[in-house]
Amino acid sequence: ASWFKLPPSGLTPAVLLYALIHAFMLFQGIVMQSLMLQAGLRDATTATWLLRILLLVGALLLDPPLDVVKALWLTLISELVGWLWMAVAIARHLRRLRRDASAAGEPDANWPRAPREVARFAWHNFLLGQINYPSQPRVQQLVAAVFLPPALVAAYGFFRNVNEQLRAYMPVHLMKNLAEPVMIGQYLHSGDFARLNAMSTVLLKLNLLLIAPLCAWLWV
């Protein structure tokens, strides 16, 4: 708390709880996208923001003024409700898959059928996320704000934002929200991994065709 200039009372527990709940909510969002539950993710996001607005209006009307600690707790409550909404939607989807497998007369109606493989994949995925976490721009900007002077922090934030804007216009980012559901849906329907790999390769080649001339221009 002394590094980040946080007051010891009130704010530190709220920051820690918010970071935990927000991380869980981001993870559940990724899971819902992987399960093709975009409608449920939309409903959870809408409920989160509606509740946040209602809590904010209620706090301003009933107990003004609104300080940092109170605002953080209001945000935390709304994120918790959104996370629970996502968890319930995922649980209902998994129960529906189990019922469909049982109704189809499959010999093993338990879903998932290989819990050890799922747990092993989840563990490796978790470790990969933890390894990549320090390289995230927001983490680097937070560390820079602690150890660097304000002028360097401002310069770093500016060039980081420019870089993020350039990345946002890459084909893989522009087409991700459109191509990813189609690619995963076709793979779940056909089970053709070679086709999925070919479609992913096309997106990567589009990026290379766009990045290579830009790098050459910057080099010259």
Protein backbone atom coordinates (compact mmCIF):
# COMPACT_ATOMS: atom_id res chain seq x y z
CA ALA A 1 0.00 0.00 0.00
CA SER A 2 2.90 2.38 0.67
CA TRP A 3 4.24 1.88 -2.87
CA PHE A 4 0.96 2.84 -4.53
CA LYS A 5 0.07 5.62 -2.08
CA LEU A 6 -3.12 3.87 -0.93
CA PRO A 7 -4.64 4.82 2.43
CA PRO A 8 -4.57 1.88 4.85
CA SER A 9 -8.24 2.09 5.85
CA GLY A 10 -11.17 1.29 3.59
CA LEU A 11 -9.64 1.47 0.14
CA THR A 12 -7.12 -1.38 0.22
CA PRO A 13 -9.65 -4.19 0.96
CA ALA A 14 -11.99 -2.78 -1.68
CA VAL A 15 -9.19 -2.67 -4.26
CA LEU A 16 -8.15 -6.26 -3.53
CA LEU A 17 -11.71 -7.60 -3.64
CA TYR A 18 -12.47 -5.69 -6.82
CA ALA A 19 -9.35 -7.05 -8.51
CA LEU A 20 -10.36 -10.60 -7.56
CA ILE A 21 -13.99 -10.28 -8.67
CA HIS A 22 -13.04 -8.46 -11.87
CA ALA A 23 -10.55 -11.22 -12.74
CA PHE A 24 -13.24 -13.87 -12.17
CA MET A 25 -15.68 -11.91 -14.33
CA LEU A 26 -13.17 -11.61 -17.20
CA PHE A 27 -12.50 -15.34 -16.99
CA GLN A 28 -16.20 -16.18 -17.05
CA GLY A 29 -16.61 -13.92 -20.08
CA ILE A 30 -13.92 -15.86 -21.93
CA VAL A 31 -15.59 -19.14 -20.98
CA MET A 32 -18.97 -17.91 -22.25
CA GLN A 33 -17.45 -16.80 -25.54
CA SER A 34 -15.80 -20.20 -25.92
CA LEU A 35 -19.16 -21.91 -25.31
CA MET A 36 -20.86 -19.67 -27.90
CA LEU A 37 -23.01 -18.03 -25.20
CA GLN A 38 -22.82 -14.51 -26.58
CA ALA A 39 -26.47 -13.84 -25.72
CA GLY A 40 -25.90 -14.76 -22.08
CA LEU A 41 -22.76 -12.65 -21.97
CA ARG A 42 -24.71 -9.71 -23.37
CA ASP A 43 -27.42 -10.14 -20.73
CA ALA A 44 -24.85 -10.37 -17.92
CA THR A 45 -23.08 -7.23 -19.12
CA THR A 46 -26.38 -5.36 -19.39
CA ALA A 47 -27.42 -6.43 -15.88
CA THR A 48 -24.04 -5.37 -14.50
CA TRP A 49 -24.22 -1.87 -15.94
CA LEU A 50 -27.89 -1.35 -15.07
CA LEU A 51 -27.22 -2.33 -11.48
CA ARG A 52 -24.16 -0.10 -11.38
CA ILE A 53 -26.19 2.88 -12.58
CA LEU A 54 -28.99 2.19 -10.08
CA LEU A 55 -26.53 1.88 -7.21
CA LEU A 56 -24.80 5.07 -8.26
CA VAL A 57 -28.04 7.03 -8.46
CA GLY A 58 -29.20 5.62 -5.14
CA ALA A 59 -25.93 6.51 -3.43
CA LEU A 60 -26.04 10.06 -4.79
CA LEU A 61 -29.64 10.54 -3.65
CA LEU A 62 -29.51 8.82 -0.28
CA ASP A 63 -25.96 9.29 0.97
CA PRO A 64 -24.01 12.07 -0.80
CA PRO A 65 -21.23 12.85 -1.43
CA LEU A 66 -19.71 9.92 -3.33
CA ASP A 67 -16.12 9.24 -2.31
CA VAL A 68 -13.59 6.83 -3.82
CA VAL A 69 -14.18 4.00 -1.36
CA LYS A 70 -17.95 4.10 -1.78
CA ALA A 71 -17.70 4.22 -5.58
CA LEU A 72 -15.34 1.24 -5.57
CA TRP A 73 -17.69 -0.81 -3.40
CA LEU A 74 -20.63 0.02 -5.69
CA THR A 75 -18.62 -1.13 -8.68
CA LEU A 76 -17.56 -4.28 -6.84
CA ILE A 77 -21.17 -5.21 -6.03
CA SER A 78 -22.27 -4.78 -9.64
CA GLU A 79 -19.32 -6.86 -10.89
CA LEU A 80 -20.17 -9.59 -8.37
CA VAL A 81 -23.75 -9.75 -9.65
CA GLY A 82 -22.50 -9.95 -13.24
CA TRP A 83 -20.10 -12.74 -12.34
CA LEU A 84 -22.85 -14.73 -10.59
CA TRP A 85 -25.10 -14.21 -13.62
CA MET A 86 -22.40 -15.66 -15.88
CA ALA A 87 -21.78 -18.59 -13.53
CA VAL A 88 -25.50 -19.48 -13.48
CA ALA A 89 -25.70 -19.23 -17.29
CA ILE A 90 -22.70 -21.53 -17.72
CA ALA A 91 -24.07 -24.05 -15.20
CA ARG A 92 -27.43 -24.15 -17.00
CA HIS A 93 -25.67 -24.65 -20.33
CA LEU A 94 -23.63 -27.56 -18.98
CA ARG A 95 -26.73 -29.20 -17.51
CA ARG A 96 -28.44 -28.87 -20.90
CA LEU A 97 -25.48 -30.54 -22.60
CA ARG A 98 -25.66 -33.38 -20.09
CA ARG A 99 -29.39 -33.85 -20.72
CA ASP A 100 -28.88 -33.83 -24.49
CA ALA A 101 -26.14 -36.44 -24.22
CA SER A 102 -28.31 -38.61 -22.00
CA ALA A 103 -31.35 -38.25 -24.30
CA ALA A 104 -29.24 -39.25 -27.30
CA GLY A 105 -28.50 -42.58 -25.63
CA GLU A 106 -24.75 -42.08 -25.52
CA PRO A 107 -22.92 -44.66 -23.39
CA ASP A 108 -21.23 -42.02 -21.26
CA ALA A 109 -23.64 -39.17 -20.53
CA ASN A 110 -21.33 -37.47 -18.04
CA TRP A 111 -20.17 -34.11 -19.33
CA PRO A 112 -17.33 -33.39 -19.66
CA ARG A 113 -16.31 -36.96 -20.39
CA ALA A 114 -12.65 -36.50 -19.49
CA PRO A 115 -12.49 -34.33 -16.33
CA ARG A 116 -8.78 -35.02 -15.86
CA GLU A 117 -7.99 -33.76 -19.34
CA VAL A 118 -10.14 -30.68 -18.76
CA ALA A 119 -8.44 -30.01 -15.42
CA ARG A 120 -4.98 -30.44 -16.96
CA PHE A 121 -5.84 -28.11 -19.84
CA ALA A 122 -7.27 -25.55 -17.41
CA TRP A 123 -4.12 -25.72 -15.25
CA HIS A 124 -1.81 -25.12 -18.22
CA ASN A 125 -4.05 -22.31 -19.43
CA PHE A 126 -3.96 -20.73 -15.97
CA LEU A 127 -0.16 -20.93 -15.82
CA LEU A 128 0.10 -19.39 -19.27
CA GLY A 129 -2.09 -16.50 -18.17
CA GLN A 130 0.01 -15.94 -15.06
CA ILE A 131 3.22 -15.94 -17.09
CA ASN A 132 1.80 -13.45 -19.59
CA TYR A 133 0.25 -11.21 -16.94
CA PRO A 134 3.38 -9.10 -16.20
CA SER A 135 3.68 -8.28 -19.90
CA GLN A 136 0.23 -6.69 -20.01
CA PRO A 137 0.34 -2.96 -20.87
CA ARG A 138 -1.76 -1.96 -17.87
CA VAL A 139 0.55 -3.77 -15.48
CA GLN A 140 3.60 -2.15 -17.05
CA GLN A 141 1.97 1.27 -16.85
CA LEU A 142 1.14 0.72 -13.18
CA VAL A 143 4.74 -0.25 -12.43
CA ALA A 144 5.99 2.72 -14.44
CA ALA A 145 3.75 5.04 -12.44
CA VAL A 146 5.34 3.79 -9.22
CA PHE A 147 9.01 3.97 -10.18
CA LEU A 148 9.28 6.58 -12.97
CA PRO A 149 8.85 10.37 -12.93
CA PRO A 150 5.54 11.79 -14.21
CA ALA A 151 6.99 12.96 -17.55
CA LEU A 152 8.22 9.48 -18.45
CA VAL A 153 4.96 7.89 -17.29
CA ALA A 154 2.99 10.26 -19.53
CA ALA A 155 5.24 9.51 -22.51
CA TYR A 156 4.97 5.78 -21.92
CA GLY A 157 1.18 5.96 -21.63
CA PHE A 158 0.91 7.99 -24.83
CA PHE A 159 2.99 5.63 -26.96
CA ARG A 160 1.28 2.61 -25.42
CA ASN A 161 -2.11 4.00 -26.41
CA VAL A 162 -0.84 4.68 -29.93
CA ASN A 163 0.38 1.10 -30.15
CA GLU A 164 -2.97 -0.23 -28.92
CA GLN A 165 -4.81 1.84 -31.52
CA LEU A 166 -2.58 0.46 -34.28
CA ARG A 167 -3.15 -3.09 -33.08
CA ALA A 168 -6.90 -2.55 -33.01
CA TYR A 169 -6.87 -2.05 -36.79
CA MET A 170 -5.02 -5.26 -37.54
CA PRO A 171 -7.15 -7.81 -39.42
CA VAL A 172 -6.95 -10.36 -36.62
CA HIS A 173 -8.42 -7.85 -34.15
CA LEU A 174 -10.98 -6.39 -36.54
CA MET A 175 -12.25 -9.83 -37.57
CA LYS A 176 -11.88 -11.59 -34.22
CA ASN A 177 -15.39 -10.91 -32.94
CA LEU A 178 -16.84 -11.85 -36.33
CA ALA A 179 -14.59 -14.72 -37.36
CA GLU A 180 -14.06 -16.46 -34.02
CA PRO A 181 -17.71 -17.54 -33.44
CA VAL A 182 -17.96 -18.76 -37.05
CA MET A 183 -14.68 -20.66 -36.89
CA ILE A 184 -15.45 -22.31 -33.56
CA GLY A 185 -19.03 -23.06 -34.61
CA GLN A 186 -17.86 -24.81 -37.78
CA TYR A 187 -15.28 -26.77 -35.84
CA LEU A 188 -17.86 -27.93 -33.28
CA HIS A 189 -20.19 -28.94 -36.11
CA SER A 190 -17.69 -30.71 -38.35
CA GLY A 191 -14.75 -31.52 -36.08
CA ASP A 192 -12.39 -30.61 -38.91
CA PHE A 193 -9.31 -29.24 -37.14
CA ALA A 194 -7.42 -28.86 -40.44
CA ARG A 195 -10.03 -26.38 -41.67
CA LEU A 196 -9.89 -24.46 -38.40
CA ASN A 197 -6.12 -24.32 -38.67
CA ALA A 198 -6.33 -23.12 -42.27
CA MET A 199 -8.74 -20.31 -41.35
CA SER A 200 -6.47 -19.20 -38.51
CA THR A 201 -3.49 -19.23 -40.87
CA VAL A 202 -5.36 -16.96 -43.28
CA LEU A 203 -5.91 -14.39 -40.52
CA LEU A 204 -2.24 -14.50 -39.55
CA LYS A 205 -1.12 -14.10 -43.16
CA LEU A 206 -3.39 -11.06 -43.52
CA ASN A 207 -1.61 -9.53 -40.55
CA LEU A 208 1.79 -10.27 -42.03
CA LEU A 209 0.80 -8.72 -45.36
CA LEU A 210 -0.22 -5.57 -43.52
CA ILE A 211 2.66 -5.44 -41.04
CA ALA A 212 5.51 -6.18 -43.46
CA PRO A 213 5.09 -3.03 -45.64
CA LEU A 214 4.58 -0.92 -42.54
CA CYS A 215 7.79 -2.25 -40.95
CA ALA A 216 9.69 -1.69 -44.20
CA TRP A 217 8.42 1.89 -44.40
CA LEU A 218 9.42 2.58 -40.81
CA TRP A 219 12.85 1.00 -41.36
CA VAL A 220 13.54 3.15 -44.42
